[in-house]
């Protein structure tokens, strides 16, 4: 059974940093592209950062470029999101997604809440 468990969220002051983790199990982690999404209250879910199965050049939303870094450790079945210089607009539930074309898989974690506030 595929499981994605996010952790590392919490309350942080503007300008601060957090590192999110997503621990994966139930599938061959190295076969899946991994993506962080976020959803703020009253807003649509948006892509934050994505990394290919081989850990190639990541893709970032314009709003987080230069502040967030996605990485993966295939030996630990974990993907990370390092978030620096956080702003109030980064407040959201952050969700981990695993996607693979063959065999087809598209799985989600339950999310971890990040609140940026003074």
PDB file of N, CA and C in Angstrom:
ATOM      1  N   UNK A   1       0.839  -1.181   0.000  1.00  0.00           N
ATOM      2  CA  UNK A   1       0.000   0.000   0.000  1.00  0.00           C
ATOM      3  C   UNK A   1       0.887   1.249   0.000  1.00  0.00           C
ATOM      4  N   UNK A   2       0.607   2.135  -0.945  1.00  0.00           N
ATOM      5  CA  UNK A   2       1.393   3.358  -1.055  1.00  0.00           C
ATOM      6  C   UNK A   2       1.066   4.288   0.106  1.00  0.00           C
ATOM      7  N   UNK A   3       2.118   4.806   0.742  1.00  0.00           N
ATOM      8  CA  UNK A   3       1.940   5.787   1.811  1.00  0.00           C
ATOM      9  C   UNK A   3       2.933   6.916   1.637  1.00  0.00           C
ATOM     10  N   UNK A   4       2.438   8.120   1.821  1.00  0.00           N
ATOM     11  CA  UNK A   4       3.264   9.317   1.829  1.00  0.00           C
ATOM     12  C   UNK A   4       2.934  10.075   3.107  1.00  0.00           C
ATOM     13  N   UNK A   5       3.945  10.301   3.942  1.00  0.00           N
ATOM     14  CA  UNK A   5       3.719  10.939   5.226  1.00  0.00           C
ATOM     15  C   UNK A   5       4.589  12.190   5.321  1.00  0.00           C
ATOM     16  N   UNK A   6       3.932  13.335   5.348  1.00  0.00           N
ATOM     17  CA  UNK A   6       4.636  14.606   5.456  1.00  0.00           C
ATOM     18  C   UNK A   6       4.884  14.957   6.927  1.00  0.00           C
ATOM     19  N   UNK A   7       5.971  15.669   7.160  1.00  0.00           N
ATOM     20  CA  UNK A   7       6.279  16.156   8.496  1.00  0.00           C
ATOM     21  C   UNK A   7       7.127  17.420   8.385  1.00  0.00           C
ATOM     22  N   UNK A   8       7.260  18.121   9.518  1.00  0.00           N
ATOM     23  CA  UNK A   8       8.123  19.285   9.561  1.00  0.00           C
ATOM     24  C   UNK A   8       7.411  20.618   9.541  1.00  0.00           C
ATOM     25  N   UNK A   9       6.098  20.594   9.383  1.00  0.00           N
ATOM     26  CA  UNK A   9       5.366  21.849   9.383  1.00  0.00           C
ATOM     27  C   UNK A   9       5.300  22.455  10.777  1.00  0.00           C
ATOM     28  N   UNK A  10       4.796  23.682  10.835  1.00  0.00           N
ATOM     29  CA  UNK A  10       4.666  24.353  12.113  1.00  0.00           C
ATOM     30  C   UNK A  10       4.517  25.843  11.944  1.00  0.00           C
ATOM     31  N   UNK A  11       4.654  26.540  13.060  1.00  0.00           N
ATOM     32  CA  UNK A  11       4.548  27.998  13.082  1.00  0.00           C
ATOM     33  C   UNK A  11       5.953  28.605  12.997  1.00  0.00           C
ATOM     34  N   UNK A  12       6.125  29.536  12.082  1.00  0.00           N
ATOM     35  CA  UNK A  12       7.434  30.178  11.923  1.00  0.00           C
ATOM     36  C   UNK A  12       7.217  31.658  11.657  1.00  0.00           C
ATOM     37  N   UNK A  13       8.142  32.467  12.109  1.00  0.00           N
ATOM     38  CA  UNK A  13       8.042  33.906  11.892  1.00  0.00           C
ATOM     39  C   UNK A  13       8.452  34.261  10.463  1.00  0.00           C
ATOM     40  N   UNK A  14       7.936  35.360   9.957  1.00  0.00           N
ATOM     41  CA  UNK A  14       8.384  35.814   8.628  1.00  0.00           C
ATOM     42  C   UNK A  14       9.902  35.948   8.582  1.00  0.00           C
ATOM     43  N   UNK A  15      10.477  35.486   7.476  1.00  0.00           N
ATOM     44  CA  UNK A  15      11.926  35.493   7.348  1.00  0.00           C
ATOM     45  C   UNK A  15      12.591  34.225   7.833  1.00  0.00           C
ATOM     46  N   UNK A  16      11.837  33.376   8.495  1.00  0.00           N
ATOM     47  CA  UNK A  16      12.387  32.149   9.032  1.00  0.00           C
ATOM     48  C   UNK A  16      12.467  31.021   8.015  1.00  0.00           C
ATOM     49  N   UNK A  17      12.872  29.864   8.505  1.00  0.00           N
ATOM     50  CA  UNK A  17      13.075  28.693   7.647  1.00  0.00           C
ATOM     51  C   UNK A  17      12.415  27.455   8.240  1.00  0.00           C
ATOM     52  N   UNK A  18      12.038  26.558   7.377  1.00  0.00           N
ATOM     53  CA  UNK A  18      11.534  25.242   7.760  1.00  0.00           C
ATOM     54  C   UNK A  18      11.980  24.239   6.713  1.00  0.00           C
ATOM     55  N   UNK A  19      12.127  23.001   7.144  1.00  0.00           N
ATOM     56  CA  UNK A  19      12.379  21.916   6.195  1.00  0.00           C
ATOM     57  C   UNK A  19      11.288  20.873   6.341  1.00  0.00           C
ATOM     58  N   UNK A  20      10.579  20.624   5.261  1.00  0.00           N
ATOM     59  CA  UNK A  20       9.553  19.600   5.240  1.00  0.00           C
ATOM     60  C   UNK A  20      10.138  18.292   4.717  1.00  0.00           C
ATOM     61  N   UNK A  21       9.601  17.195   5.224  1.00  0.00           N
ATOM     62  CA  UNK A  21       9.995  15.871   4.752  1.00  0.00           C
ATOM     63  C   UNK A  21       8.752  15.100   4.336  1.00  0.00           C
ATOM     64  N   UNK A  22       8.925  14.230   3.376  1.00  0.00           N
ATOM     65  CA  UNK A  22       7.860  13.322   2.952  1.00  0.00           C
ATOM     66  C   UNK A  22       8.458  11.929   2.856  1.00  0.00           C
ATOM     67  N   UNK A  23       8.057  11.074   3.772  1.00  0.00           N
ATOM     68  CA  UNK A  23       8.553   9.700   3.801  1.00  0.00           C
ATOM     69  C   UNK A  23       7.612   8.809   2.996  1.00  0.00           C
ATOM     70  N   UNK A  24       8.174   8.074   2.063  1.00  0.00           N
ATOM     71  CA  UNK A  24       7.374   7.243   1.162  1.00  0.00           C
ATOM     72  C   UNK A  24       7.576   5.767   1.465  1.00  0.00           C
ATOM     73  N   UNK A  25       6.523   5.004   1.242  1.00  0.00           N
ATOM     74  CA  UNK A  25       6.606   3.557   1.388  1.00  0.00           C
ATOM     75  C   UNK A  25       5.561   2.898   0.504  1.00  0.00           C
ATOM     76  N   UNK A  26       5.755   1.603   0.241  1.00  0.00           N
ATOM     77  CA  UNK A  26       4.779   0.851  -0.520  1.00  0.00           C
ATOM     78  C   UNK A  26       4.991   0.858  -2.021  1.00  0.00           C
ATOM     79  N   UNK A  27       6.052   1.500  -2.485  1.00  0.00           N
ATOM     80  CA  UNK A  27       6.370   1.500  -3.902  1.00  0.00           C
ATOM     81  C   UNK A  27       7.863   1.753  -4.066  1.00  0.00           C
ATOM     82  N   UNK A  28       8.346   1.558  -5.267  1.00  0.00           N
ATOM     83  CA  UNK A  28       9.755   1.812  -5.552  1.00  0.00           C
ATOM     84  C   UNK A  28       9.962   3.310  -5.701  1.00  0.00           C
ATOM     85  N   UNK A  29      10.470   3.917  -4.647  1.00  0.00           N
ATOM     86  CA  UNK A  29      10.568   5.375  -4.558  1.00  0.00           C
ATOM     87  C   UNK A  29      11.323   5.972  -5.742  1.00  0.00           C
ATOM     88  N   UNK A  30      12.385   5.317  -6.144  1.00  0.00           N
ATOM     89  CA  UNK A  30      13.230   5.865  -7.201  1.00  0.00           C
ATOM     90  C   UNK A  30      12.553   5.860  -8.572  1.00  0.00           C
ATOM     91  N   UNK A  31      11.389   5.228  -8.675  1.00  0.00           N
ATOM     92  CA  UNK A  31      10.685   5.177  -9.951  1.00  0.00           C
ATOM     93  C   UNK A  31       9.703   6.324 -10.142  1.00  0.00           C
ATOM     94  N   UNK A  32       9.506   7.124  -9.107  1.00  0.00           N
ATOM     95  CA  UNK A  32       8.445   8.144  -9.150  1.00  0.00           C
ATOM     96  C   UNK A  32       9.006   9.561  -9.103  1.00  0.00           C
ATOM     97  N   UNK A  33       8.375  10.430  -9.884  1.00  0.00           N
ATOM     98  CA  UNK A  33       8.626  11.860  -9.722  1.00  0.00           C
ATOM     99  C   UNK A  33       7.918  12.320  -8.458  1.00  0.00           C
ATOM    100  N   UNK A  34       8.524  13.235  -7.750  1.00  0.00           N
ATOM    101  CA  UNK A  34       7.962  13.706  -6.493  1.00  0.00           C
ATOM    102  C   UNK A  34       7.718  15.206  -6.580  1.00  0.00           C
ATOM    103  N   UNK A  35       6.574  15.601  -6.069  1.00  0.00           N
ATOM    104  CA  UNK A  35       6.165  16.994  -6.157  1.00  0.00           C
ATOM    105  C   UNK A  35       5.600  17.469  -4.832  1.00  0.00           C
ATOM    106  N   UNK A  36       5.940  18.689  -4.462  1.00  0.00           N
ATOM    107  CA  UNK A  36       5.300  19.358  -3.339  1.00  0.00           C
ATOM    108  C   UNK A  36       4.251  20.320  -3.891  1.00  0.00           C
ATOM    109  N   UNK A  37       3.062  20.223  -3.330  1.00  0.00           N
ATOM    110  CA  UNK A  37       1.990  21.162  -3.616  1.00  0.00           C
ATOM    111  C   UNK A  37       1.632  21.873  -2.313  1.00  0.00           C
ATOM    112  N   UNK A  38       0.887  22.939  -2.440  1.00  0.00           N
ATOM    113  CA  UNK A  38       0.340  23.584  -1.262  1.00  0.00           C
ATOM    114  C   UNK A  38      -1.059  24.102  -1.549  1.00  0.00           C
ATOM    115  N   UNK A  39      -1.832  24.196  -0.477  1.00  0.00           N
ATOM    116  CA  UNK A  39      -3.189  24.726  -0.594  1.00  0.00           C
ATOM    117  C   UNK A  39      -3.467  25.628   0.588  1.00  0.00           C
ATOM    118  N   UNK A  40      -3.673  26.891   0.286  1.00  0.00           N
ATOM    119  CA  UNK A  40      -4.012  27.874   1.308  1.00  0.00           C
ATOM    120  C   UNK A  40      -5.526  27.941   1.453  1.00  0.00           C
ATOM    121  N   UNK A  41      -6.012  28.397   2.598  1.00  0.00           N
ATOM    122  CA  UNK A  41      -7.460  28.497   2.808  1.00  0.00           C
ATOM    123  C   UNK A  41      -8.138  29.325   1.716  1.00  0.00           C
ATOM    124  N   UNK A  42      -9.160  28.761   1.112  1.00  0.00           N
ATOM    125  CA  UNK A  42      -9.906  29.473   0.094  1.00  0.00           C
ATOM    126  C   UNK A  42      -9.242  29.563  -1.255  1.00  0.00           C
ATOM    127  N   UNK A  43      -8.108  28.886  -1.409  1.00  0.00           N
ATOM    128  CA  UNK A  43      -7.386  28.953  -2.682  1.00  0.00           C
ATOM    129  C   UNK A  43      -7.224  27.569  -3.284  1.00  0.00           C
ATOM    130  N   UNK A  44      -6.929  27.541  -4.576  1.00  0.00           N
ATOM    131  CA  UNK A  44      -6.714  26.281  -5.242  1.00  0.00           C
ATOM    132  C   UNK A  44      -5.333  25.721  -4.900  1.00  0.00           C
ATOM    133  N   UNK A  45      -5.255  24.405  -5.028  1.00  0.00           N
ATOM    134  CA  UNK A  45      -3.968  23.738  -4.816  1.00  0.00           C
ATOM    135  C   UNK A  45      -2.994  24.183  -5.917  1.00  0.00           C
ATOM    136  N   UNK A  46      -1.759  24.455  -5.529  1.00  0.00           N
ATOM    137  CA  UNK A  46      -0.767  24.887  -6.508  1.00  0.00           C
ATOM    138  C   UNK A  46       0.529  24.100  -6.353  1.00  0.00           C
ATOM    139  N   UNK A  47       1.197  23.898  -7.477  1.00  0.00           N
ATOM    140  CA  UNK A  47       2.489  23.233  -7.467  1.00  0.00           C
ATOM    141  C   UNK A  47       3.532  24.164  -6.886  1.00  0.00           C
ATOM    142  N   UNK A  48       4.335  23.622  -5.982  1.00  0.00           N
ATOM    143  CA  UNK A  48       5.402  24.399  -5.359  1.00  0.00           C
ATOM    144  C   UNK A  48       6.747  24.036  -5.969  1.00  0.00           C
ATOM    145  N   UNK A  49       7.044  22.733  -5.968  1.00  0.00           N
ATOM    146  CA  UNK A  49       8.339  22.277  -6.469  1.00  0.00           C
ATOM    147  C   UNK A  49       8.231  20.817  -6.865  1.00  0.00           C
ATOM    148  N   UNK A  50       8.965  20.448  -7.919  1.00  0.00           N
ATOM    149  CA  UNK A  50       8.924  19.073  -8.414  1.00  0.00           C
ATOM    150  C   UNK A  50      10.331  18.613  -8.749  1.00  0.00           C
ATOM    151  N   UNK A  51      10.536  17.308  -8.591  1.00  0.00           N
ATOM    152  CA  UNK A  51      11.832  16.725  -8.919  1.00  0.00           C
ATOM    153  C   UNK A  51      11.603  15.375  -9.590  1.00  0.00           C
ATOM    154  N   UNK A  52      12.382  15.088 -10.616  1.00  0.00           N
ATOM    155  CA  UNK A  52      12.189  13.853 -11.356  1.00  0.00           C
ATOM    156  C   UNK A  52      12.661  12.644 -10.545  1.00  0.00           C
ATOM    157  N   UNK A  53      12.341  11.470 -11.052  1.00  0.00           N
ATOM    158  CA  UNK A  53      12.722  10.237 -10.355  1.00  0.00           C
ATOM    159  C   UNK A  53      14.235  10.123 -10.201  1.00  0.00           C
ATOM    160  N   UNK A  54      14.958  10.638 -11.156  1.00  0.00           N
ATOM    161  CA  UNK A  54      16.423  10.555 -11.108  1.00  0.00           C
ATOM    162  C   UNK A  54      17.055  11.736 -10.391  1.00  0.00           C
ATOM    163  N   UNK A  55      16.224  12.622  -9.865  1.00  0.00           N
ATOM    164  CA  UNK A  55      16.772  13.774  -9.157  1.00  0.00           C
ATOM    165  C   UNK A  55      17.334  14.834 -10.075  1.00  0.00           C
ATOM    166  N   UNK A  56      16.746  14.961 -11.254  1.00  0.00           N
ATOM    167  CA  UNK A  56      17.221  15.933 -12.225  1.00  0.00           C
ATOM    168  C   UNK A  56      16.894  17.362 -11.840  1.00  0.00           C
ATOM    169  N   UNK A  57      17.016  18.253 -12.807  1.00  0.00           N
ATOM    170  CA  UNK A  57      16.810  19.685 -12.529  1.00  0.00           C
ATOM    171  C   UNK A  57      15.395  19.910 -12.024  1.00  0.00           C
ATOM    172  N   UNK A  58      15.254  20.486 -10.837  1.00  0.00           N
ATOM    173  CA  UNK A  58      13.917  20.691 -10.274  1.00  0.00           C
ATOM    174  C   UNK A  58      13.139  21.789 -10.988  1.00  0.00           C
ATOM    175  N   UNK A  59      11.848  21.777 -10.744  1.00  0.00           N
ATOM    176  CA  UNK A  59      10.958  22.795 -11.272  1.00  0.00           C
ATOM    177  C   UNK A  59      10.291  23.495 -10.091  1.00  0.00           C
ATOM    178  N   UNK A  60      10.241  24.831 -10.136  1.00  0.00           N
ATOM    179  CA  UNK A  60       9.682  25.598  -9.023  1.00  0.00           C
ATOM    180  C   UNK A  60       8.617  26.581  -9.499  1.00  0.00           C
ATOM    181  N   UNK A  61       7.667  26.829  -8.632  1.00  0.00           N
ATOM    182  CA  UNK A  61       6.743  27.928  -8.873  1.00  0.00           C
ATOM    183  C   UNK A  61       7.517  29.242  -8.792  1.00  0.00           C
ATOM    184  N   UNK A  62       7.119  30.197  -9.597  1.00  0.00           N
ATOM    185  CA  UNK A  62       7.815  31.490  -9.606  1.00  0.00           C
ATOM    186  C   UNK A  62       7.840  32.130  -8.223  1.00  0.00           C
ATOM    187  N   UNK A  63       6.786  31.904  -7.460  1.00  0.00           N
ATOM    188  CA  UNK A  63       6.656  32.552  -6.155  1.00  0.00           C
ATOM    189  C   UNK A  63       7.656  32.037  -5.126  1.00  0.00           C
ATOM    190  N   UNK A  64       8.278  30.895  -5.390  1.00  0.00           N
ATOM    191  CA  UNK A  64       9.209  30.329  -4.408  1.00  0.00           C
ATOM    192  C   UNK A  64      10.636  30.201  -4.938  1.00  0.00           C
ATOM    193  N   UNK A  65      10.841  30.535  -6.197  1.00  0.00           N
ATOM    194  CA  UNK A  65      12.188  30.425  -6.781  1.00  0.00           C
ATOM    195  C   UNK A  65      13.183  31.263  -5.994  1.00  0.00           C
ATOM    196  N   UNK A  66      14.323  30.659  -5.700  1.00  0.00           N
ATOM    197  CA  UNK A  66      15.354  31.353  -4.950  1.00  0.00           C
ATOM    198  C   UNK A  66      15.185  31.264  -3.448  1.00  0.00           C
ATOM    199  N   UNK A  67      14.018  30.768  -2.996  1.00  0.00           N
ATOM    200  CA  UNK A  67      13.776  30.650  -1.554  1.00  0.00           C
ATOM    201  C   UNK A  67      13.618  29.188  -1.119  1.00  0.00           C
ATOM    202  N   UNK A  68      13.027  28.362  -1.980  1.00  0.00           N
ATOM    203  CA  UNK A  68      12.760  26.968  -1.649  1.00  0.00           C
ATOM    204  C   UNK A  68      13.674  26.060  -2.469  1.00  0.00           C
ATOM    205  N   UNK A  69      14.029  24.917  -1.867  1.00  0.00           N
ATOM    206  CA  UNK A  69      14.827  23.911  -2.555  1.00  0.00           C
ATOM    207  C   UNK A  69      14.237  22.532  -2.315  1.00  0.00           C
ATOM    208  N   UNK A  70      13.967  21.825  -3.388  1.00  0.00           N
ATOM    209  CA  UNK A  70      13.481  20.450  -3.287  1.00  0.00           C
ATOM    210  C   UNK A  70      14.656  19.506  -3.509  1.00  0.00           C
ATOM    211  N   UNK A  71      14.667  18.419  -2.748  1.00  0.00           N
ATOM    212  CA  UNK A  71      15.710  17.409  -2.925  1.00  0.00           C
ATOM    213  C   UNK A  71      15.125  16.053  -2.554  1.00  0.00           C
ATOM    214  N   UNK A  72      15.812  15.008  -2.949  1.00  0.00           N
ATOM    215  CA  UNK A  72      15.353  13.670  -2.618  1.00  0.00           C
ATOM    216  C   UNK A  72      16.530  12.787  -2.261  1.00  0.00           C
ATOM    217  N   UNK A  73      16.244  11.837  -1.382  1.00  0.00           N
ATOM    218  CA  UNK A  73      17.229  10.832  -0.997  1.00  0.00           C
ATOM    219  C   UNK A  73      16.593   9.477  -1.294  1.00  0.00           C
ATOM    220  N   UNK A  74      16.968   8.895  -2.405  1.00  0.00           N
ATOM    221  CA  UNK A  74      16.350   7.634  -2.812  1.00  0.00           C
ATOM    222  C   UNK A  74      16.727   6.488  -1.875  1.00  0.00           C
ATOM    223  N   UNK A  75      17.824   6.619  -1.172  1.00  0.00           N
ATOM    224  CA  UNK A  75      18.214   5.583  -0.209  1.00  0.00           C
ATOM    225  C   UNK A  75      17.324   5.609   1.030  1.00  0.00           C
ATOM    226  N   UNK A  76      16.779   6.791   1.322  1.00  0.00           N
ATOM    227  CA  UNK A  76      15.916   6.945   2.498  1.00  0.00           C
ATOM    228  C   UNK A  76      14.438   7.036   2.126  1.00  0.00           C
ATOM    229  N   UNK A  77      14.141   6.921   0.834  1.00  0.00           N
ATOM    230  CA  UNK A  77      12.742   7.013   0.371  1.00  0.00           C
ATOM    231  C   UNK A  77      12.074   8.298   0.868  1.00  0.00           C
ATOM    232  N   UNK A  78      12.800   9.385   0.776  1.00  0.00           N
ATOM    233  CA  UNK A  78      12.307  10.645   1.332  1.00  0.00           C
ATOM    234  C   UNK A  78      12.588  11.806   0.368  1.00  0.00           C
ATOM    235  N   UNK A  79      11.612  12.696   0.284  1.00  0.00           N
ATOM    236  CA  UNK A  79      11.793  13.946  -0.447  1.00  0.00           C
ATOM    237  C   UNK A  79      11.666  15.091   0.544  1.00  0.00           C
ATOM    238  N   UNK A  80      12.440  16.130   0.318  1.00  0.00           N
ATOM    239  CA  UNK A  80      12.512  17.250   1.240  1.00  0.00           C
ATOM    240  C   UNK A  80      12.138  18.547   0.530  1.00  0.00           C
ATOM    241  N   UNK A  81      11.707  19.508   1.342  1.00  0.00           N
ATOM    242  CA  UNK A  81      11.496  20.858   0.839  1.00  0.00           C
ATOM    243  C   UNK A  81      12.086  21.818   1.859  1.00  0.00           C
ATOM    244  N   UNK A  82      13.217  22.398   1.500  1.00  0.00           N
ATOM    245  CA  UNK A  82      13.856  23.396   2.348  1.00  0.00           C
ATOM    246  C   UNK A  82      13.256  24.749   1.992  1.00  0.00           C
ATOM    247  N   UNK A  83      12.678  25.412   2.984  1.00  0.00           N
ATOM    248  CA  UNK A  83      11.993  26.681   2.751  1.00  0.00           C
ATOM    249  C   UNK A  83      12.690  27.774   3.544  1.00  0.00           C
ATOM    250  N   UNK A  84      13.208  28.759   2.848  1.00  0.00           N
ATOM    251  CA  UNK A  84      13.900  29.885   3.476  1.00  0.00           C
ATOM    252  C   UNK A  84      13.156  31.190   3.187  1.00  0.00           C
ATOM    253  N   UNK A  85      13.458  32.193   3.978  1.00  0.00           N
ATOM    254  CA  UNK A  85      12.878  33.547   3.819  1.00  0.00           C
ATOM    255  C   UNK A  85      11.363  33.450   3.653  1.00  0.00           C
ATOM    256  N   UNK A  86      10.742  32.751   4.569  1.00  0.00           N
ATOM    257  CA  UNK A  86       9.302  32.527   4.487  1.00  0.00           C
ATOM    258  C   UNK A  86       8.539  33.832   4.670  1.00  0.00           C
ATOM    259  N   UNK A  87       7.425  33.922   3.961  1.00  0.00           N
ATOM    260  CA  UNK A  87       6.541  35.071   4.022  1.00  0.00           C
ATOM    261  C   UNK A  87       5.135  34.592   4.338  1.00  0.00           C
ATOM    262  N   UNK A  88       4.277  35.512   4.719  1.00  0.00           N
ATOM    263  CA  UNK A  88       2.926  35.127   5.143  1.00  0.00           C
ATOM    264  C   UNK A  88       2.167  34.403   4.028  1.00  0.00           C
ATOM    265  N   UNK A  89       2.476  34.764   2.798  1.00  0.00           N
ATOM    266  CA  UNK A  89       1.802  34.115   1.671  1.00  0.00           C
ATOM    267  C   UNK A  89       2.179  32.642   1.501  1.00  0.00           C
ATOM    268  N   UNK A  90       3.189  32.194   2.209  1.00  0.00           N
ATOM    269  CA  UNK A  90       3.570  30.786   2.157  1.00  0.00           C
ATOM    270  C   UNK A  90       2.725  29.931   3.092  1.00  0.00           C
ATOM    271  N   UNK A  91       1.891  30.560   3.894  1.00  0.00           N
ATOM    272  CA  UNK A  91       1.020  29.828   4.805  1.00  0.00           C
ATOM    273  C   UNK A  91       0.062  28.940   4.021  1.00  0.00           C
ATOM    274  N   UNK A  92       0.110  27.641   4.310  1.00  0.00           N
ATOM    275  CA  UNK A  92      -0.716  26.673   3.573  1.00  0.00           C
ATOM    276  C   UNK A  92      -0.492  25.283   4.151  1.00  0.00           C
ATOM    277  N   UNK A  93      -1.342  24.371   3.717  1.00  0.00           N
ATOM    278  CA  UNK A  93      -1.071  22.953   3.924  1.00  0.00           C
ATOM    279  C   UNK A  93      -0.200  22.488   2.756  1.00  0.00           C
ATOM    280  N   UNK A  94       0.911  21.867   3.086  1.00  0.00           N
ATOM    281  CA  UNK A  94       1.845  21.390   2.069  1.00  0.00           C
ATOM    282  C   UNK A  94       1.663  19.883   1.909  1.00  0.00           C
ATOM    283  N   UNK A  95       1.465  19.471   0.678  1.00  0.00           N
ATOM    284  CA  UNK A  95       1.182  18.071   0.380  1.00  0.00           C
ATOM    285  C   UNK A  95       2.237  17.489  -0.552  1.00  0.00           C
ATOM    286  N   UNK A  96       2.519  16.245  -0.334  1.00  0.00           N
ATOM    287  CA  UNK A  96       3.494  15.500  -1.118  1.00  0.00           C
ATOM    288  C   UNK A  96       2.744  14.633  -2.140  1.00  0.00           C
ATOM    289  N   UNK A  97       3.268  14.584  -3.341  1.00  0.00           N
ATOM    290  CA  UNK A  97       2.659  13.771  -4.399  1.00  0.00           C
ATOM    291  C   UNK A  97       3.725  12.910  -5.061  1.00  0.00           C
ATOM    292  N   UNK A  98       3.364  11.658  -5.308  1.00  0.00           N
ATOM    293  CA  UNK A  98       4.226  10.736  -6.056  1.00  0.00           C
ATOM    294  C   UNK A  98       3.534  10.368  -7.353  1.00  0.00           C
ATOM    295  N   UNK A  99       4.219  10.517  -8.452  1.00  0.00           N
ATOM    296  CA  UNK A  99       3.610  10.275  -9.757  1.00  0.00           C
ATOM    297  C   UNK A  99       4.532   9.434 -10.630  1.00  0.00           C
ATOM    298  N   UNK A 100       3.919   8.444 -11.285  1.00  0.00           N
ATOM    299  CA  UNK A 100       4.675   7.570 -12.170  1.00  0.00           C
ATOM    300  C   UNK A 100       3.792   7.199 -13.351  1.00  0.00           C
ATOM    301  N   UNK A 101       4.389   7.170 -14.536  1.00  0.00           N
ATOM    302  CA  UNK A 101       3.601   6.876 -15.728  1.00  0.00           C
ATOM    303  C   UNK A 101       3.329   5.396 -15.892  1.00  0.00           C
ATOM    304  N   UNK A 102       4.344   4.539 -15.627  1.00  0.00           N
ATOM    305  CA  UNK A 102       4.154   3.114 -15.816  1.00  0.00           C
ATOM    306  C   UNK A 102       4.926   2.318 -14.778  1.00  0.00           C
ATOM    307  N   UNK A 103       4.258   1.427 -14.043  1.00  0.00           N
ATOM    308  CA  UNK A 103       2.793   1.358 -13.970  1.00  0.00           C
ATOM    309  C   UNK A 103       2.234   2.630 -13.334  1.00  0.00           C
ATOM    310  N   UNK A 104       1.048   2.986 -13.753  1.00  0.00           N
ATOM    311  CA  UNK A 104       0.455   4.263 -13.400  1.00  0.00           C
ATOM    312  C   UNK A 104       0.265   4.393 -11.903  1.00  0.00           C
ATOM    313  N   UNK A 105       0.703   5.538 -11.377  1.00  0.00           N
ATOM    314  CA  UNK A 105       0.516   5.811  -9.965  1.00  0.00           C
ATOM    315  C   UNK A 105       0.432   7.319  -9.773  1.00  0.00           C
ATOM    316  N   UNK A 106      -0.488   7.727  -8.945  1.00  0.00           N
ATOM    317  CA  UNK A 106      -0.600   9.131  -8.569  1.00  0.00           C
ATOM    318  C   UNK A 106      -1.153   9.162  -7.159  1.00  0.00           C
ATOM    319  N   UNK A 107      -0.256   9.339  -6.188  1.00  0.00           N
ATOM    320  CA  UNK A 107      -0.640   9.234  -4.783  1.00  0.00           C
ATOM    321  C   UNK A 107      -0.310  10.502  -4.020  1.00  0.00           C
ATOM    322  N   UNK A 108      -1.127  10.752  -2.973  1.00  0.00           N
ATOM    323  CA  UNK A 108      -1.000  11.970  -2.173  1.00  0.00           C
ATOM    324  C   UNK A 108      -0.834  11.648  -0.702  1.00  0.00           C
ATOM    325  N   UNK A 109      -0.074  12.489  -0.019  1.00  0.00           N
ATOM    326  CA  UNK A 109      -0.053  12.454   1.422  1.00  0.00           C
ATOM    327  C   UNK A 109      -1.193  13.293   1.975  1.00  0.00           C
ATOM    328  N   UNK A 110      -1.295  13.333   3.309  1.00  0.00           N
ATOM    329  CA  UNK A 110      -2.375  14.083   3.944  1.00  0.00           C
ATOM    330  C   UNK A 110      -2.008  15.535   4.214  1.00  0.00           C
ATOM    331  N   UNK A 111      -0.722  15.835   4.133  1.00  0.00           N
ATOM    332  CA  UNK A 111      -0.282  17.218   4.256  1.00  0.00           C
ATOM    333  C   UNK A 111       0.238  17.588   5.629  1.00  0.00           C
ATOM    334  N   UNK A 112       0.982  18.679   5.643  1.00  0.00           N
ATOM    335  CA  UNK A 112       1.485  19.250   6.887  1.00  0.00           C
ATOM    336  C   UNK A 112       1.292  20.762   6.813  1.00  0.00           C
ATOM    337  N   UNK A 113       0.823  21.342   7.913  1.00  0.00           N
ATOM    338  CA  UNK A 113       0.460  22.754   7.922  1.00  0.00           C
ATOM    339  C   UNK A 113       1.678  23.621   8.225  1.00  0.00           C
ATOM    340  N   UNK A 114       1.875  24.624   7.390  1.00  0.00           N
ATOM    341  CA  UNK A 114       2.909  25.633   7.611  1.00  0.00           C
ATOM    342  C   UNK A 114       2.213  26.972   7.813  1.00  0.00           C
ATOM    343  N   UNK A 115       2.496  27.604   8.936  1.00  0.00           N
ATOM    344  CA  UNK A 115       1.917  28.912   9.243  1.00  0.00           C
ATOM    345  C   UNK A 115       3.051  29.905   9.438  1.00  0.00           C
ATOM    346  N   UNK A 116       3.030  30.950   8.637  1.00  0.00           N
ATOM    347  CA  UNK A 116       4.050  31.999   8.733  1.00  0.00           C
ATOM    348  C   UNK A 116       3.378  33.230   9.321  1.00  0.00           C
ATOM    349  N   UNK A 117       3.752  33.535  10.549  1.00  0.00           N
ATOM    350  CA  UNK A 117       3.097  34.636  11.254  1.00  0.00           C
ATOM    351  C   UNK A 117       3.983  35.127  12.383  1.00  0.00           C
ATOM    352  N   UNK A 118       3.874  36.417  12.662  1.00  0.00           N
ATOM    353  CA  UNK A 118       4.610  36.973  13.791  1.00  0.00           C
ATOM    354  C   UNK A 118       3.737  37.001  15.037  1.00  0.00           C
TER     355      UNK A 118
END
